[in-house]
Amino acid sequence: MTLALVLVYKLLAIIPVPGVNTEALSSMLADNEGLAFFGALMWWWLASFSIILMGLSPYINALIIMQLLGVIIPPLENLKKEWEAGQRKINKYTRILAFPLAFVQSYWMILLLNTLASGQIIDTSDTGTVLTAMTIVTAGTMFLVWLGEVMTEYGISNGISIIISASVLSGIPSLIAGYFPDNGGWVFDTISWAFTNSEGFAGLSSWLSFLIILALTVAVIYVIVKFTEWYRKIPVIYTRTGREEKSFFPIKVNQAGMVPIIFAVSLITFPSILWKVLSKGNSDSGIAKFLMENFSFNNPSWMYIAVYFVLVVLFAYFYVSITFNTDEIAESIQKRGGYIPGVRPGSETSAYLGKVSSHLNLFGGWFLALIAVFPYIMQKFVWTQVNFIVSWAGLIIIVSVVLELVRQIDSEMQMYDYKKFK
């Protein structure tokens, strides 16, 4: 069921919105490599102006907003304490919020792409055409959300996560193909071609570049796996049963996941995108010139890299501060008759957990920030754009999803083994 629904998703991803000039879109993406990278971060739905153009971006934004509102609005926070019933209500509210977000975001996405392509992608002067495109794209997003929920119910692991990871992985074949010479043969064909063709050394250089990038990607995957699985064990002793039972409370180093990078990308690309949309690249004002020189995603400056790095770290702290409720955890430990050795129950336990979380988040935030900016740093030193097999930000998504998928499959296999003894 999981594989079948992924296939349905891939079919949706290649169906363009009616009335769209896909050739102009492809030309525009080729001329705006930075926007192509931004499209890769949006999981490759951009290239064909698909009916699922925005993918799950509005739904993810709705999820983040609901988490933020849960801290501000007490009734939403109380729903979290109702376990499964409360979670169903929160999911319902998230889907309702995702609909208007998708509709509004679809307009700005259409306006942005059409402006960058000098109005050649879609006729924005025709209100009916624009509203039709917005409706189709919005419906595509909501259908994708439904598809993910069906996959969760009848498939393996979280359907939304699987769709996101599948979309990131879908761009790998085209990136790999870009490293090889035009004749694109196997290894021995390429070596033979290298010694018989005047451009042979370029072919060998392509293979060498690919092998270096592949080795670097594998090394980064290893580091991300270790980083994702790292956590600190906070010792907890329970005395409720009349005797001491030792346990531990785990706190992950990477508590925020990919959310800080998503927030940071939205902000760091905003100055350049806004300038392109409003001025269409013709403004000679000092502010516009400053923005394009320092915040262009086609050729990011050191200021761009530094601001991007700082934003990821700050958002990591911000997101963890509102999602990791130390007061609730301390209260839960105390109600179950537990305590942390050397720390008094209640407010001191909450303060201790907050301090530990802050220290771990320092490493987690810096690591996420380094993952986010490292490709740009490499570009500065090698003087050209480095096309990694998978974007490093995308690797964090893939590793998290695959680890969860492996755990889910192991659980299903154990249940299957137990059923044989009934």
Protein backbone atom coordinates (compact mmCIF):
# COMPACT_ATOMS: atom_id res chain seq x y z
CA MET A 1 0.00 0.00 0.00
CA THR A 2 2.82 2.40 0.86
CA LEU A 3 4.60 1.84 -2.46
CA ALA A 4 1.33 2.11 -4.42
CA LEU A 5 0.46 5.45 -2.84
CA VAL A 6 3.99 6.76 -3.45
CA LEU A 7 3.45 5.88 -7.11
CA VAL A 8 0.18 7.85 -7.09
CA TYR A 9 2.05 10.82 -5.65
CA LYS A 10 4.74 10.60 -8.37
CA LEU A 11 2.05 10.58 -11.07
CA LEU A 12 0.54 13.73 -9.57
CA ALA A 13 3.97 15.39 -9.51
CA ILE A 14 4.32 15.28 -13.32
CA ILE A 15 0.84 16.59 -14.19
CA PRO A 16 1.15 20.33 -14.95
CA VAL A 17 -1.48 22.94 -14.17
CA PRO A 18 -3.57 23.60 -17.33
CA GLY A 19 -2.63 26.70 -19.28
CA VAL A 20 0.96 26.88 -18.01
CA ASN A 21 3.94 27.42 -20.32
CA THR A 22 6.27 24.74 -18.94
CA GLU A 23 9.03 25.61 -21.44
CA ALA A 24 9.25 29.16 -20.08
CA LEU A 25 9.33 27.70 -16.56
CA SER A 26 12.23 25.38 -17.39
CA SER A 27 14.16 28.25 -18.99
CA MET A 28 13.54 30.45 -15.96
CA LEU A 29 14.76 27.76 -13.55
CA ALA A 30 17.91 27.26 -15.63
CA ASP A 31 18.65 30.99 -15.41
CA ASN A 32 17.96 31.13 -11.66
CA GLU A 33 20.06 28.37 -10.11
CA GLY A 34 19.41 29.67 -6.63
CA LEU A 35 15.67 29.40 -7.17
CA ALA A 36 16.20 25.90 -8.52
CA PHE A 37 17.87 25.04 -5.21
CA PHE A 38 14.94 26.64 -3.39
CA GLY A 39 12.67 24.45 -5.50
CA ALA A 40 14.71 21.41 -4.49
CA LEU A 41 14.09 22.33 -0.88
CA MET A 42 10.40 22.38 -1.77
CA TRP A 43 10.88 18.82 -3.00
CA TRP A 44 11.05 19.13 -6.78
CA TRP A 45 7.37 20.00 -7.45
CA LEU A 46 8.45 23.29 -8.93
CA ALA A 47 10.07 22.04 -12.13
CA SER A 48 6.85 21.01 -13.93
CA PHE A 49 4.45 23.52 -12.29
CA SER A 50 2.62 20.46 -11.06
CA ILE A 51 -0.93 20.40 -9.71
CA ILE A 52 0.82 19.73 -6.38
CA LEU A 53 3.10 22.74 -6.96
CA MET A 54 3.36 23.68 -3.28
CA GLY A 55 3.49 20.08 -2.09
CA LEU A 56 2.95 19.82 1.65
CA SER A 57 4.48 23.23 2.43
CA PRO A 58 1.15 24.86 3.52
CA TYR A 59 0.33 21.86 5.71
CA ILE A 60 3.77 21.96 7.35
CA ASN A 61 3.31 25.69 7.96
CA ALA A 62 -0.09 24.94 9.51
CA LEU A 63 1.50 22.32 11.77
CA ILE A 64 4.11 24.81 12.96
CA ILE A 65 1.47 27.51 13.53
CA MET A 66 -0.68 25.10 15.53
CA GLN A 67 2.29 24.23 17.72
CA LEU A 68 2.94 27.91 18.33
CA LEU A 69 -0.74 28.60 19.06
CA GLY A 70 -0.77 25.69 21.49
CA VAL A 71 1.53 27.70 23.74
CA ILE A 72 -0.57 30.87 23.49
CA ILE A 73 -4.13 29.46 23.53
CA PRO A 74 -4.88 27.34 26.65
CA PRO A 75 -7.75 25.28 25.07
CA LEU A 76 -5.38 24.02 22.36
CA GLU A 77 -2.80 23.11 24.97
CA ASN A 78 -5.46 21.22 26.92
CA LEU A 79 -6.29 19.19 23.81
CA LYS A 80 -2.76 17.75 23.89
CA LYS A 81 -3.56 16.24 27.29
CA GLU A 82 -6.57 14.35 25.87
CA TRP A 83 -4.23 11.96 24.06
CA GLU A 84 -5.71 10.35 20.93
CA ALA A 85 -9.06 12.18 20.98
CA GLY A 86 -7.34 15.53 21.46
CA GLN A 87 -4.80 14.78 18.74
CA ARG A 88 -7.61 14.02 16.28
CA LYS A 89 -9.12 17.44 16.96
CA ILE A 90 -5.74 19.15 16.54
CA ASN A 91 -5.22 17.33 13.23
CA LYS A 92 -8.67 18.51 12.10
CA TYR A 93 -7.88 22.12 12.97
CA THR A 94 -4.51 21.81 11.21
CA ARG A 95 -6.18 20.65 7.98
CA ILE A 96 -8.71 23.49 8.19
CA LEU A 97 -5.91 26.03 8.65
CA ALA A 98 -3.87 24.50 5.81
CA PHE A 99 -6.62 25.24 3.27
CA PRO A 100 -6.56 29.08 3.40
CA LEU A 101 -2.77 29.01 3.77
CA ALA A 102 -2.51 26.94 0.60
CA PHE A 103 -4.86 29.24 -1.31
CA VAL A 104 -2.96 32.42 -0.35
CA GLN A 105 0.45 30.80 -0.84
CA SER A 106 -0.57 29.57 -4.29
CA TYR A 107 -1.17 33.16 -5.45
CA TRP A 108 2.23 34.37 -4.26
CA MET A 109 3.96 31.36 -5.76
CA ILE A 110 2.28 31.94 -9.14
CA LEU A 111 3.09 35.66 -8.97
CA LEU A 112 6.73 34.99 -8.06
CA LEU A 113 7.37 32.45 -10.83
CA ASN A 114 5.52 34.50 -13.41
CA THR A 115 7.50 37.63 -12.51
CA LEU A 116 10.84 35.83 -12.70
CA ALA A 117 9.88 34.48 -16.14
CA SER A 118 8.82 37.95 -17.36
CA GLY A 119 5.16 37.00 -17.40
CA GLN A 120 5.59 34.06 -19.80
CA ILE A 121 4.43 31.19 -17.55
CA ILE A 122 0.80 32.14 -16.99
CA ASP A 123 -1.43 35.02 -18.04
CA THR A 124 -1.98 36.89 -14.77
CA SER A 125 -4.11 39.54 -16.48
CA ASP A 126 -6.88 36.95 -16.80
CA THR A 127 -8.45 36.64 -13.35
CA GLY A 128 -10.25 33.46 -14.28
CA THR A 129 -7.02 31.74 -15.33
CA VAL A 130 -5.25 32.75 -12.11
CA LEU A 131 -8.17 31.65 -9.88
CA THR A 132 -8.37 28.34 -11.74
CA ALA A 133 -4.66 27.73 -11.23
CA MET A 134 -4.91 28.70 -7.54
CA THR A 135 -7.87 26.37 -7.01
CA ILE A 136 -6.16 23.44 -8.72
CA VAL A 137 -2.90 23.93 -6.80
CA THR A 138 -4.77 24.28 -3.49
CA ALA A 139 -6.80 21.15 -4.20
CA GLY A 140 -3.58 19.33 -5.06
CA THR A 141 -2.07 20.21 -1.68
CA MET A 142 -5.17 19.09 0.24
CA PHE A 143 -5.33 15.85 -1.78
CA LEU A 144 -1.69 15.22 -0.95
CA VAL A 145 -2.45 15.70 2.76
CA TRP A 146 -5.28 13.16 2.47
CA LEU A 147 -2.97 10.77 0.60
CA GLY A 148 -0.42 10.98 3.41
CA GLU A 149 -3.08 10.22 6.03
CA VAL A 150 -4.29 7.21 4.06
CA MET A 151 -0.71 6.01 3.83
CA THR A 152 -0.33 6.41 7.58
CA GLU A 153 -3.49 4.39 8.24
CA TYR A 154 -2.99 1.56 5.76
CA GLY A 155 0.75 1.66 5.08
CA ILE A 156 3.97 1.73 7.08
CA SER A 157 5.13 4.67 9.21
CA ASN A 158 4.06 8.30 8.80
CA GLY A 159 2.70 8.96 5.32
CA ILE A 160 3.49 12.69 5.28
CA SER A 161 7.14 12.00 6.10
CA ILE A 162 7.39 9.28 3.46
CA ILE A 163 5.99 11.58 0.77
CA ILE A 164 8.45 14.33 1.70
CA SER A 165 11.43 11.97 1.69
CA ALA A 166 10.31 10.38 -1.60
CA SER A 167 10.13 13.81 -3.21
CA VAL A 168 13.64 14.69 -2.01
CA LEU A 169 14.99 11.38 -3.33
CA SER A 170 13.27 11.84 -6.70
CA GLY A 171 15.83 14.45 -7.73
CA ILE A 172 18.84 12.15 -7.27
CA PRO A 173 18.90 10.47 -10.74
CA SER A 174 19.03 13.77 -12.65
CA LEU A 175 21.81 15.10 -10.38
CA ILE A 176 23.87 11.94 -10.80
CA ALA A 177 23.42 12.07 -14.58
CA GLY A 178 24.87 15.58 -14.59
CA TYR A 179 28.27 14.30 -13.48
CA PHE A 180 28.83 12.03 -16.48
CA PRO A 181 29.92 12.72 -20.07
CA ASP A 182 27.38 12.85 -22.85
CA ASN A 183 27.90 9.26 -23.94
CA GLY A 184 26.98 8.24 -20.37
CA GLY A 185 28.35 4.67 -20.58
CA TRP A 186 29.38 2.36 -17.78
CA VAL A 187 32.68 2.71 -15.96
CA PHE A 188 34.79 0.75 -18.48
CA ASP A 189 33.13 2.51 -21.42
CA THR A 190 33.97 5.87 -19.89
CA ILE A 191 37.61 4.88 -19.25
CA SER A 192 37.93 3.61 -22.81
CA TRP A 193 36.31 6.79 -24.12
CA ALA A 194 38.75 8.85 -22.04
CA PHE A 195 41.76 7.47 -23.93
CA THR A 196 40.22 7.71 -27.41
CA ASN A 197 38.45 11.05 -27.18
CA SER A 198 40.05 14.47 -27.05
CA GLU A 199 37.78 15.33 -24.12
CA GLY A 200 38.69 12.18 -22.24
CA PHE A 201 40.30 13.90 -19.31
CA ALA A 202 37.10 15.84 -18.79
CA GLY A 203 35.26 12.51 -18.61
CA LEU A 204 37.64 11.18 -16.00
CA SER A 205 37.30 14.46 -14.14
CA SER A 206 33.53 13.97 -14.12
CA TRP A 207 33.93 10.52 -12.59
CA LEU A 208 36.42 11.81 -10.04
CA SER A 209 34.08 14.66 -9.07
CA PHE A 210 31.19 12.24 -8.72
CA LEU A 211 33.19 9.83 -6.54
CA ILE A 212 34.35 12.69 -4.29
CA ILE A 213 30.80 14.00 -3.91
CA LEU A 214 29.51 10.45 -3.29
CA ALA A 215 32.12 9.81 -0.57
CA LEU A 216 31.34 13.18 1.02
CA THR A 217 27.60 12.43 0.93
CA VAL A 218 28.08 9.02 2.58
CA ALA A 219 30.26 10.59 5.28
CA VAL A 220 27.65 13.27 5.95
CA ILE A 221 24.91 10.63 6.14
CA TYR A 222 26.94 8.75 8.76
CA VAL A 223 27.42 11.92 10.82
CA ILE A 224 23.72 12.83 10.54
CA VAL A 225 22.65 9.34 11.62
CA LYS A 226 24.85 9.54 14.70
CA PHE A 227 23.72 13.09 15.38
CA THR A 228 20.01 12.20 14.99
CA GLU A 229 20.32 9.25 17.37
CA TRP A 230 22.36 11.11 19.99
CA TYR A 231 20.60 11.95 23.22
CA ARG A 232 21.49 12.55 26.83
CA LYS A 233 20.13 10.22 29.49
CA ILE A 234 18.79 12.12 32.50
CA PRO A 235 18.73 9.60 35.41
CA VAL A 236 15.37 9.30 37.17
CA ILE A 237 14.62 7.24 40.29
CA TYR A 238 11.04 6.10 41.02
CA THR A 239 10.05 5.17 44.57
CA ARG A 240 6.31 4.71 44.11
CA THR A 241 6.44 0.91 44.32
CA GLY A 242 8.18 0.95 47.70
CA ARG A 243 11.57 0.28 46.23
CA GLU A 244 13.82 2.37 44.08
CA GLU A 245 13.59 1.77 40.32
CA LYS A 246 16.25 3.44 38.19
CA SER A 247 15.30 4.74 34.79
CA PHE A 248 16.25 7.66 32.57
CA PHE A 249 14.63 10.46 30.60
CA PRO A 250 16.20 10.99 27.14
CA ILE A 251 16.72 14.47 25.67
CA LYS A 252 17.78 14.54 22.03
CA VAL A 253 20.60 16.74 20.84
CA ASN A 254 18.58 17.66 17.74
CA GLN A 255 15.25 18.49 19.35
CA ALA A 256 14.02 20.87 16.64
CA GLY A 257 14.52 18.65 13.59
CA MET A 258 14.26 20.48 10.25
CA VAL A 259 11.97 23.28 11.47
CA PRO A 260 14.77 25.87 12.09
CA ILE A 261 16.08 25.42 8.55
CA ILE A 262 12.57 25.83 7.10
CA PHE A 263 12.08 29.05 9.06
CA ALA A 264 15.54 30.35 8.17
CA VAL A 265 15.16 29.62 4.43
CA SER A 266 11.86 31.53 4.36
CA LEU A 267 13.50 34.62 5.86
CA ILE A 268 16.87 34.52 4.12
CA THR A 269 15.33 34.21 0.64
CA PHE A 270 12.69 36.86 1.27
CA PRO A 271 14.85 39.99 0.50
CA SER A 272 16.01 38.67 -2.88
CA ILE A 273 12.58 37.33 -3.86
CA LEU A 274 10.85 40.55 -2.81
CA TRP A 275 13.27 42.61 -4.86
CA LYS A 276 12.73 40.43 -7.93
CA VAL A 277 8.94 40.57 -7.61
CA LEU A 278 8.60 44.31 -6.96
CA SER A 279 11.32 45.68 -9.21
CA LYS A 280 11.69 42.86 -11.75
CA GLY A 281 15.44 43.37 -11.50
CA ASN A 282 15.39 46.92 -12.93
CA SER A 283 15.72 48.98 -9.76
CA ASP A 284 18.92 50.97 -9.24
CA SER A 285 18.13 52.12 -5.70
CA GLY A 286 20.76 51.70 -3.00
CA ILE A 287 18.60 49.33 -0.93
CA ALA A 288 17.83 47.08 -3.88
CA LYS A 289 21.48 47.02 -4.91
CA PHE A 290 22.55 46.16 -1.36
CA LEU A 291 20.01 43.32 -1.16
CA MET A 292 21.04 41.82 -4.47
CA GLU A 293 24.76 42.06 -3.71
CA ASN A 294 24.52 40.54 -0.24
CA PHE A 295 21.37 38.38 -0.21
CA SER A 296 21.28 36.87 -3.69
CA PHE A 297 20.74 33.11 -3.57
CA ASN A 298 22.38 32.82 -7.01
CA ASN A 299 25.71 33.99 -5.59
CA PRO A 300 25.46 34.10 -1.78
CA SER A 301 27.86 36.46 -0.03
CA TRP A 302 29.59 35.89 3.29
CA MET A 303 26.95 38.13 4.87
CA TYR A 304 24.23 35.85 3.45
CA ILE A 305 25.99 32.80 4.88
CA ALA A 306 26.52 34.41 8.29
CA VAL A 307 22.91 35.62 8.58
CA TYR A 308 21.62 32.20 7.45
CA PHE A 309 23.78 30.49 10.09
CA VAL A 310 22.62 32.79 12.89
CA LEU A 311 18.95 32.45 11.88
CA VAL A 312 19.09 28.64 12.05
CA VAL A 313 20.65 28.75 15.53
CA LEU A 314 18.15 31.32 16.81
CA PHE A 315 15.15 29.47 15.40
CA ALA A 316 16.43 26.23 16.95
CA TYR A 317 16.39 27.88 20.37
CA PHE A 318 13.03 29.53 19.74
CA TYR A 319 11.29 26.37 18.53
CA VAL A 320 12.61 24.17 21.34
CA SER A 321 11.68 26.80 23.94
CA ILE A 322 8.01 26.60 22.96
CA THR A 323 7.74 22.87 22.26
CA PHE A 324 9.84 21.40 25.09
CA ASN A 325 7.67 22.11 28.15
CA THR A 326 9.93 21.42 31.12
CA ASP A 327 7.17 22.27 33.63
CA GLU A 328 4.92 19.49 32.28
CA ILE A 329 7.78 16.98 32.28
CA ALA A 330 8.78 17.85 35.85
CA GLU A 331 5.14 17.57 36.96
CA SER A 332 4.75 14.21 35.23
CA ILE A 333 7.90 12.82 36.88
CA GLN A 334 6.75 14.03 40.29
CA LYS A 335 3.24 12.55 39.90
CA ARG A 336 4.75 9.14 39.13
CA GLY A 337 6.84 9.30 42.29
CA GLY A 338 10.11 10.02 40.56
CA TYR A 339 12.96 12.43 41.05
CA ILE A 340 16.32 13.28 39.50
CA PRO A 341 19.21 12.49 41.88
CA GLY A 342 20.53 15.67 43.48
CA VAL A 343 17.63 17.79 42.19
CA ARG A 344 14.47 18.63 44.11
CA PRO A 345 11.13 17.80 42.48
CA GLY A 346 9.03 20.60 41.03
CA SER A 347 10.49 23.92 39.91
CA GLU A 348 14.13 22.88 40.43
CA THR A 349 13.62 19.82 38.23
CA SER A 350 12.03 22.04 35.56
CA ALA A 351 14.94 24.49 35.73
CA TYR A 352 17.48 21.65 35.55
CA LEU A 353 15.81 20.12 32.47
CA GLY A 354 15.66 23.54 30.84
CA LYS A 355 19.37 24.08 31.46
CA VAL A 356 20.30 20.67 30.02
CA SER A 357 18.02 21.23 27.01
CA SER A 358 19.60 24.64 26.38
CA HIS A 359 23.12 23.19 26.45
CA LEU A 360 22.18 20.34 24.09
CA ASN A 361 20.36 22.73 21.82
CA LEU A 362 23.57 24.75 21.47
CA PHE A 363 25.23 21.75 19.80
CA GLY A 364 22.06 20.82 17.89
CA GLY A 365 21.49 24.34 16.57
CA TRP A 366 25.11 24.79 15.51
CA PHE A 367 25.11 21.43 13.77
CA LEU A 368 21.91 22.24 11.83
CA ALA A 369 23.33 25.64 10.90
CA LEU A 370 26.57 24.07 9.68
CA ILE A 371 24.64 21.54 7.58
CA ALA A 372 22.61 24.39 6.07
CA VAL A 373 25.52 26.68 5.11
CA PHE A 374 28.30 24.20 4.30
CA PRO A 375 27.39 23.85 0.58
CA TYR A 376 27.61 27.65 0.26
CA ILE A 377 30.98 27.67 2.03
CA MET A 378 32.28 25.01 -0.36
CA GLN A 379 31.02 27.09 -3.26
CA LYS A 380 33.11 30.01 -1.98
CA PHE A 381 36.30 27.94 -1.85
CA VAL A 382 35.95 25.93 -5.07
CA TRP A 383 34.68 28.99 -7.01
CA THR A 384 31.75 27.14 -8.55
CA GLN A 385 28.39 25.74 -7.52
CA VAL A 386 28.68 22.25 -6.03
CA ASN A 387 25.76 19.99 -6.93
CA PHE A 388 25.49 17.45 -4.13
CA ILE A 389 23.66 14.17 -4.75
CA VAL A 390 21.16 15.22 -2.09
CA SER A 391 20.95 18.63 -0.47
CA TRP A 392 22.37 18.46 3.04
CA ALA A 393 19.15 19.85 4.47
CA GLY A 394 17.29 17.11 2.60
CA LEU A 395 19.63 14.49 4.07
CA ILE A 396 18.36 15.32 7.57
CA ILE A 397 14.80 14.63 6.39
CA ILE A 398 15.74 11.39 4.67
CA VAL A 399 17.79 10.05 7.58
CA SER A 400 15.04 10.82 10.11
CA VAL A 401 12.36 9.18 7.96
CA VAL A 402 14.44 6.10 7.15
CA LEU A 403 15.36 5.53 10.82
CA GLU A 404 11.69 5.79 11.80
CA LEU A 405 10.73 3.47 8.92
CA VAL A 406 13.28 0.87 10.04
CA ARG A 407 11.95 0.99 13.60
CA GLN A 408 8.37 0.61 12.34
CA ILE A 409 9.27 -2.37 10.14
CA ASP A 410 11.10 -4.03 13.03
CA SER A 411 8.02 -3.56 15.19
CA GLU A 412 5.76 -5.05 12.50
CA MET A 413 8.09 -8.03 12.10
CA GLN A 414 8.08 -8.70 15.84
CA MET A 415 4.27 -8.60 15.88
CA TYR A 416 4.23 -11.01 12.96
CA ASP A 417 6.53 -13.40 14.84
CA TYR A 418 4.36 -13.26 17.96
CA LYS A 419 1.22 -14.07 15.95
CA LYS A 420 2.75 -17.39 14.84
CA PHE A 421 2.67 -18.62 18.46
CA LYS A 422 -1.07 -17.97 18.90
